[in-house]
Amino acid sequence: MGIEEATIVRWLKAIGDKVSEGEVLVEAETAKATMEVESPASGALATIVAAEGQTVEINAVIGTIER
């Protein structure tokens, strides 16, 4: 669809929080819409690489999950 970047609007989890695969972690905004980004795995949110307000390329690593 031609979307190349998104801005992190709000993290719904903090470092150390447990997450389940498919659970919404973060809200991101593109030029066309705000979308929810789901966790790709279950575990604990270990790092946040992209802070709220930061613009990142689509498919960039924005955080890591430890199992």
PDB file of N, CA and C in Angstrom:
ATOM      1  N   MET A   1       0.812  -1.195   0.000  1.00  0.00           N
ATOM      2  CA  MET A   1       0.000   0.000   0.000  1.00  0.00           C
ATOM      3  C   MET A   1       0.853   1.254   0.000  1.00  0.00           C
ATOM      4  N   GLY A   2       2.165   1.111  -0.076  1.00  0.00           N
ATOM      5  CA  GLY A   2       3.029   2.265  -0.173  1.00  0.00           C
ATOM      6  C   GLY A   2       3.379   2.929   1.145  1.00  0.00           C
ATOM      7  N   ILE A   3       3.000   2.358   2.267  1.00  0.00           N
ATOM      8  CA  ILE A   3       3.330   2.932   3.560  1.00  0.00           C
ATOM      9  C   ILE A   3       4.757   2.543   3.897  1.00  0.00           C
ATOM     10  N   GLU A   4       5.596   3.528   4.186  1.00  0.00           N
ATOM     11  CA  GLU A   4       7.006   3.264   4.435  1.00  0.00           C
ATOM     12  C   GLU A   4       7.440   3.516   5.868  1.00  0.00           C
ATOM     13  N   GLU A   5       6.666   4.341   6.610  1.00  0.00           N
ATOM     14  CA  GLU A   5       7.057   4.638   7.977  1.00  0.00           C
ATOM     15  C   GLU A   5       5.832   4.875   8.846  1.00  0.00           C
ATOM     16  N   ALA A   6       6.063   4.784  10.155  1.00  0.00           N
ATOM     17  CA  ALA A   6       5.003   5.009  11.142  1.00  0.00           C
ATOM     18  C   ALA A   6       5.613   5.682  12.362  1.00  0.00           C
ATOM     19  N   THR A   7       4.780   6.384  13.101  1.00  0.00           N
ATOM     20  CA  THR A   7       5.217   7.047  14.329  1.00  0.00           C
ATOM     21  C   THR A   7       4.619   6.298  15.511  1.00  0.00           C
ATOM     22  N   ILE A   8       5.470   5.997  16.494  1.00  0.00           N
ATOM     23  CA  ILE A   8       4.994   5.327  17.701  1.00  0.00           C
ATOM     24  C   ILE A   8       4.150   6.331  18.486  1.00  0.00           C
ATOM     25  N   VAL A   9       2.891   5.994  18.704  1.00  0.00           N
ATOM     26  CA  VAL A   9       1.979   6.881  19.427  1.00  0.00           C
ATOM     27  C   VAL A   9       2.002   6.577  20.916  1.00  0.00           C
ATOM     28  N   ARG A  10       1.845   5.273  21.258  1.00  0.00           N
ATOM     29  CA  ARG A  10       1.753   4.919  22.682  1.00  0.00           C
ATOM     30  C   ARG A  10       2.092   3.454  22.877  1.00  0.00           C
ATOM     31  N   TRP A  11       2.994   3.208  23.820  1.00  0.00           N
ATOM     32  CA  TRP A  11       3.276   1.840  24.242  1.00  0.00           C
ATOM     33  C   TRP A  11       2.216   1.446  25.262  1.00  0.00           C
ATOM     34  N   LEU A  12       1.629   0.268  25.103  1.00  0.00           N
ATOM     35  CA  LEU A  12       0.614  -0.219  26.026  1.00  0.00           C
ATOM     36  C   LEU A  12       1.216  -1.130  27.094  1.00  0.00           C
ATOM     37  N   LYS A  13       2.468  -1.499  26.915  1.00  0.00           N
ATOM     38  CA  LYS A  13       3.202  -2.327  27.866  1.00  0.00           C
ATOM     39  C   LYS A  13       4.501  -1.625  28.226  1.00  0.00           C
ATOM     40  N   ALA A  14       5.009  -1.930  29.422  1.00  0.00           N
ATOM     41  CA  ALA A  14       6.277  -1.377  29.892  1.00  0.00           C
ATOM     42  C   ALA A  14       7.318  -2.486  29.932  1.00  0.00           C
ATOM     43  N   ILE A  15       8.578  -2.100  29.973  1.00  0.00           N
ATOM     44  CA  ILE A  15       9.653  -3.081  30.077  1.00  0.00           C
ATOM     45  C   ILE A  15       9.409  -3.949  31.313  1.00  0.00           C
ATOM     46  N   GLY A  16       9.527  -5.262  31.100  1.00  0.00           N
ATOM     47  CA  GLY A  16       9.300  -6.218  32.178  1.00  0.00           C
ATOM     48  C   GLY A  16       7.907  -6.806  32.202  1.00  0.00           C
ATOM     49  N   ASP A  17       6.953  -6.147  31.535  1.00  0.00           N
ATOM     50  CA  ASP A  17       5.583  -6.674  31.501  1.00  0.00           C
ATOM     51  C   ASP A  17       5.529  -7.961  30.685  1.00  0.00           C
ATOM     52  N   LYS A  18       4.722  -8.912  31.154  1.00  0.00           N
ATOM     53  CA  LYS A  18       4.503 -10.141  30.406  1.00  0.00           C
ATOM     54  C   LYS A  18       3.521  -9.860  29.274  1.00  0.00           C
ATOM     55  N   VAL A  19       3.764 -10.494  28.121  1.00  0.00           N
ATOM     56  CA  VAL A  19       2.897 -10.333  26.963  1.00  0.00           C
ATOM     57  C   VAL A  19       2.621 -11.703  26.356  1.00  0.00           C
ATOM     58  N   SER A  20       1.491 -11.809  25.688  1.00  0.00           N
ATOM     59  CA  SER A  20       1.127 -13.029  24.984  1.00  0.00           C
ATOM     60  C   SER A  20       1.180 -12.769  23.491  1.00  0.00           C
ATOM     61  N   GLU A  21       1.508 -13.799  22.732  1.00  0.00           N
ATOM     62  CA  GLU A  21       1.518 -13.674  21.277  1.00  0.00           C
ATOM     63  C   GLU A  21       0.155 -13.171  20.814  1.00  0.00           C
ATOM     64  N   GLY A  22       0.140 -12.161  19.960  1.00  0.00           N
ATOM     65  CA  GLY A  22      -1.093 -11.587  19.438  1.00  0.00           C
ATOM     66  C   GLY A  22      -1.661 -10.450  20.279  1.00  0.00           C
ATOM     67  N   GLU A  23      -1.126 -10.235  21.469  1.00  0.00           N
ATOM     68  CA  GLU A  23      -1.585  -9.146  22.340  1.00  0.00           C
ATOM     69  C   GLU A  23      -1.065  -7.810  21.804  1.00  0.00           C
ATOM     70  N   VAL A  24      -1.881  -6.784  21.872  1.00  0.00           N
ATOM     71  CA  VAL A  24      -1.481  -5.468  21.375  1.00  0.00           C
ATOM     72  C   VAL A  24      -0.425  -4.870  22.307  1.00  0.00           C
ATOM     73  N   LEU A  25       0.713  -4.472  21.710  1.00  0.00           N
ATOM     74  CA  LEU A  25       1.826  -3.885  22.462  1.00  0.00           C
ATOM     75  C   LEU A  25       1.898  -2.375  22.343  1.00  0.00           C
ATOM     76  N   VAL A  26       1.586  -1.868  21.149  1.00  0.00           N
ATOM     77  CA  VAL A  26       1.869  -0.469  20.849  1.00  0.00           C
ATOM     78  C   VAL A  26       0.880   0.038  19.795  1.00  0.00           C
ATOM     79  N   GLU A  27       0.615   1.325  19.839  1.00  0.00           N
ATOM     80  CA  GLU A  27      -0.175   1.986  18.799  1.00  0.00           C
ATOM     81  C   GLU A  27       0.786   2.801  17.940  1.00  0.00           C
ATOM     82  N   ALA A  28       0.633   2.682  16.635  1.00  0.00           N
ATOM     83  CA  ALA A  28       1.486   3.405  15.693  1.00  0.00           C
ATOM     84  C   ALA A  28       0.604   4.121  14.678  1.00  0.00           C
ATOM     85  N   GLU A  29       1.072   5.282  14.236  1.00  0.00           N
ATOM     86  CA  GLU A  29       0.290   6.100  13.310  1.00  0.00           C
ATOM     87  C   GLU A  29       1.041   6.246  11.990  1.00  0.00           C
ATOM     88  N   THR A  30       0.335   5.959  10.896  1.00  0.00           N
ATOM     89  CA  THR A  30       0.880   6.184   9.562  1.00  0.00           C
ATOM     90  C   THR A  30       0.202   7.429   8.999  1.00  0.00           C
ATOM     91  N   ALA A  31       0.518   7.767   7.779  1.00  0.00           N
ATOM     92  CA  ALA A  31      -0.107   8.929   7.150  1.00  0.00           C
ATOM     93  C   ALA A  31      -1.614   8.730   6.973  1.00  0.00           C
ATOM     94  N   LYS A  32      -2.049   7.461   6.980  1.00  0.00           N
ATOM     95  CA  LYS A  32      -3.450   7.176   6.694  1.00  0.00           C
ATOM     96  C   LYS A  32      -4.275   6.713   7.887  1.00  0.00           C
ATOM     97  N   ALA A  33      -3.631   6.123   8.897  1.00  0.00           N
ATOM     98  CA  ALA A  33      -4.414   5.550   9.992  1.00  0.00           C
ATOM     99  C   ALA A  33      -3.547   5.283  11.219  1.00  0.00           C
ATOM    100  N   THR A  34      -4.233   5.099  12.349  1.00  0.00           N
ATOM    101  CA  THR A  34      -3.572   4.616  13.551  1.00  0.00           C
ATOM    102  C   THR A  34      -3.839   3.123  13.622  1.00  0.00           C
ATOM    103  N   MET A  35      -2.783   2.346  13.899  1.00  0.00           N
ATOM    104  CA  MET A  35      -2.946   0.900  13.930  1.00  0.00           C
ATOM    105  C   MET A  35      -2.359   0.325  15.204  1.00  0.00           C
ATOM    106  N   GLU A  36      -2.818  -0.855  15.572  1.00  0.00           N
ATOM    107  CA  GLU A  36      -2.314  -1.555  16.738  1.00  0.00           C
ATOM    108  C   GLU A  36      -1.301  -2.587  16.280  1.00  0.00           C
ATOM    109  N   VAL A  37      -0.161  -2.632  16.954  1.00  0.00           N
ATOM    110  CA  VAL A  37       0.888  -3.591  16.620  1.00  0.00           C
ATOM    111  C   VAL A  37       0.863  -4.682  17.683  1.00  0.00           C
ATOM    112  N   GLU A  38       0.713  -5.929  17.229  1.00  0.00           N
ATOM    113  CA  GLU A  38       0.607  -7.066  18.132  1.00  0.00           C
ATOM    114  C   GLU A  38       1.962  -7.695  18.394  1.00  0.00           C
ATOM    115  N   SER A  39       2.073  -8.359  19.533  1.00  0.00           N
ATOM    116  CA  SER A  39       3.290  -9.075  19.897  1.00  0.00           C
ATOM    117  C   SER A  39       3.461 -10.296  18.991  1.00  0.00           C
ATOM    118  N   PRO A  40       4.654 -10.493  18.446  1.00  0.00           N
ATOM    119  CA  PRO A  40       4.879 -11.666  17.600  1.00  0.00           C
ATOM    120  C   PRO A  40       5.148 -12.934  18.401  1.00  0.00           C
ATOM    121  N   ALA A  41       5.332 -12.819  19.727  1.00  0.00           N
ATOM    122  CA  ALA A  41       5.652 -13.970  20.567  1.00  0.00           C
ATOM    123  C   ALA A  41       5.224 -13.697  22.005  1.00  0.00           C
ATOM    124  N   SER A  42       5.169 -14.760  22.792  1.00  0.00           N
ATOM    125  CA  SER A  42       4.880 -14.634  24.222  1.00  0.00           C
ATOM    126  C   SER A  42       6.182 -14.508  24.998  1.00  0.00           C
ATOM    127  N   GLY A  43       6.140 -13.798  26.107  1.00  0.00           N
ATOM    128  CA  GLY A  43       7.319 -13.614  26.938  1.00  0.00           C
ATOM    129  C   GLY A  43       7.189 -12.340  27.740  1.00  0.00           C
ATOM    130  N   ALA A  44       8.311 -11.659  27.936  1.00  0.00           N
ATOM    131  CA  ALA A  44       8.330 -10.388  28.662  1.00  0.00           C
ATOM    132  C   ALA A  44       8.969  -9.329  27.773  1.00  0.00           C
ATOM    133  N   LEU A  45       8.402  -8.131  27.778  1.00  0.00           N
ATOM    134  CA  LEU A  45       8.977  -7.032  27.001  1.00  0.00           C
ATOM    135  C   LEU A  45      10.322  -6.672  27.630  1.00  0.00           C
ATOM    136  N   ALA A  46      11.406  -6.908  26.892  1.00  0.00           N
ATOM    137  CA  ALA A  46      12.763  -6.726  27.429  1.00  0.00           C
ATOM    138  C   ALA A  46      13.319  -5.334  27.147  1.00  0.00           C
ATOM    139  N   THR A  47      13.093  -4.827  25.938  1.00  0.00           N
ATOM    140  CA  THR A  47      13.591  -3.492  25.584  1.00  0.00           C
ATOM    141  C   THR A  47      12.569  -2.770  24.726  1.00  0.00           C
ATOM    142  N   ILE A  48      12.621  -1.457  24.797  1.00  0.00           N
ATOM    143  CA  ILE A  48      11.867  -0.598  23.883  1.00  0.00           C
ATOM    144  C   ILE A  48      12.908   0.164  23.085  1.00  0.00           C
ATOM    145  N   VAL A  49      12.961  -0.119  21.788  1.00  0.00           N
ATOM    146  CA  VAL A  49      13.956   0.496  20.908  1.00  0.00           C
ATOM    147  C   VAL A  49      13.435   1.818  20.353  1.00  0.00           C
ATOM    148  N   ALA A  50      12.150   1.869  20.033  1.00  0.00           N
ATOM    149  CA  ALA A  50      11.543   3.075  19.462  1.00  0.00           C
ATOM    150  C   ALA A  50      10.624   3.713  20.495  1.00  0.00           C
ATOM    151  N   ALA A  51      10.961   4.908  20.918  1.00  0.00           N
ATOM    152  CA  ALA A  51      10.188   5.621  21.937  1.00  0.00           C
ATOM    153  C   ALA A  51       8.933   6.251  21.349  1.00  0.00           C
ATOM    154  N   GLU A  52       8.000   6.590  22.221  1.00  0.00           N
ATOM    155  CA  GLU A  52       6.798   7.307  21.786  1.00  0.00           C
ATOM    156  C   GLU A  52       7.216   8.602  21.098  1.00  0.00           C
ATOM    157  N   GLY A  53       6.580   8.879  19.970  1.00  0.00           N
ATOM    158  CA  GLY A  53       6.898  10.072  19.187  1.00  0.00           C
ATOM    159  C   GLY A  53       7.960   9.837  18.125  1.00  0.00           C
ATOM    160  N   GLN A  54       8.639   8.704  18.185  1.00  0.00           N
ATOM    161  CA  GLN A  54       9.692   8.402  17.206  1.00  0.00           C
ATOM    162  C   GLN A  54       9.086   7.807  15.949  1.00  0.00           C
ATOM    163  N   THR A  55       9.601   8.214  14.797  1.00  0.00           N
ATOM    164  CA  THR A  55       9.165   7.678  13.513  1.00  0.00           C
ATOM    165  C   THR A  55      10.156   6.607  13.066  1.00  0.00           C
ATOM    166  N   VAL A  56       9.603   5.460  12.660  1.00  0.00           N
ATOM    167  CA  VAL A  56      10.422   4.315  12.261  1.00  0.00           C
ATOM    168  C   VAL A  56       9.933   3.772  10.927  1.00  0.00           C
ATOM    169  N   GLU A  57      10.812   3.046  10.240  1.00  0.00           N
ATOM    170  CA  GLU A  57      10.421   2.380   9.003  1.00  0.00           C
ATOM    171  C   GLU A  57       9.519   1.198   9.338  1.00  0.00           C
ATOM    172  N   ILE A  58       8.595   0.887   8.444  1.00  0.00           N
ATOM    173  CA  ILE A  58       7.739  -0.276   8.607  1.00  0.00           C
ATOM    174  C   ILE A  58       8.627  -1.513   8.681  1.00  0.00           C
ATOM    175  N   ASN A  59       8.311  -2.418   9.585  1.00  0.00           N
ATOM    176  CA  ASN A  59       9.050  -3.663   9.845  1.00  0.00           C
ATOM    177  C   ASN A  59      10.372  -3.455  10.594  1.00  0.00           C
ATOM    178  N   ALA A  60      10.632  -2.255  11.085  1.00  0.00           N
ATOM    179  CA  ALA A  60      11.826  -2.018  11.909  1.00  0.00           C
ATOM    180  C   ALA A  60      11.603  -2.658  13.283  1.00  0.00           C
ATOM    181  N   VAL A  61      12.683  -3.003  13.951  1.00  0.00           N
ATOM    182  CA  VAL A  61      12.603  -3.518  15.316  1.00  0.00           C
ATOM    183  C   VAL A  61      12.273  -2.338  16.235  1.00  0.00           C
ATOM    184  N   ILE A  62      11.171  -2.445  16.973  1.00  0.00           N
ATOM    185  CA  ILE A  62      10.788  -1.366  17.883  1.00  0.00           C
ATOM    186  C   ILE A  62      10.930  -1.779  19.346  1.00  0.00           C
ATOM    187  N   GLY A  63      11.119  -3.072  19.581  1.00  0.00           N
ATOM    188  CA  GLY A  63      11.298  -3.591  20.920  1.00  0.00           C
ATOM    189  C   GLY A  63      11.679  -5.059  20.837  1.00  0.00           C
ATOM    190  N   THR A  64      12.082  -5.619  21.970  1.00  0.00           N
ATOM    191  CA  THR A  64      12.424  -7.041  21.995  1.00  0.00           C
ATOM    192  C   THR A  64      11.661  -7.750  23.109  1.00  0.00           C
ATOM    193  N   ILE A  65      11.416  -9.034  22.880  1.00  0.00           N
ATOM    194  CA  ILE A  65      10.699  -9.868  23.842  1.00  0.00           C
ATOM    195  C   ILE A  65      11.588 -11.039  24.216  1.00  0.00           C
ATOM    196  N   GLU A  66      11.741 -11.258  25.524  1.00  0.00           N
ATOM    197  CA  GLU A  66      12.476 -12.421  26.014  1.00  0.00           C
ATOM    198  C   GLU A  66      11.471 -13.496  26.381  1.00  0.00           C
ATOM    199  N   ARG A  67      11.780 -14.717  26.019  1.00  0.00           N
ATOM    200  CA  ARG A  67      10.877 -15.826  26.337  1.00  0.00           C
ATOM    201  C   ARG A  67      11.222 -16.445  27.652  1.00  0.00           C
TER     202      ARG A  67
END
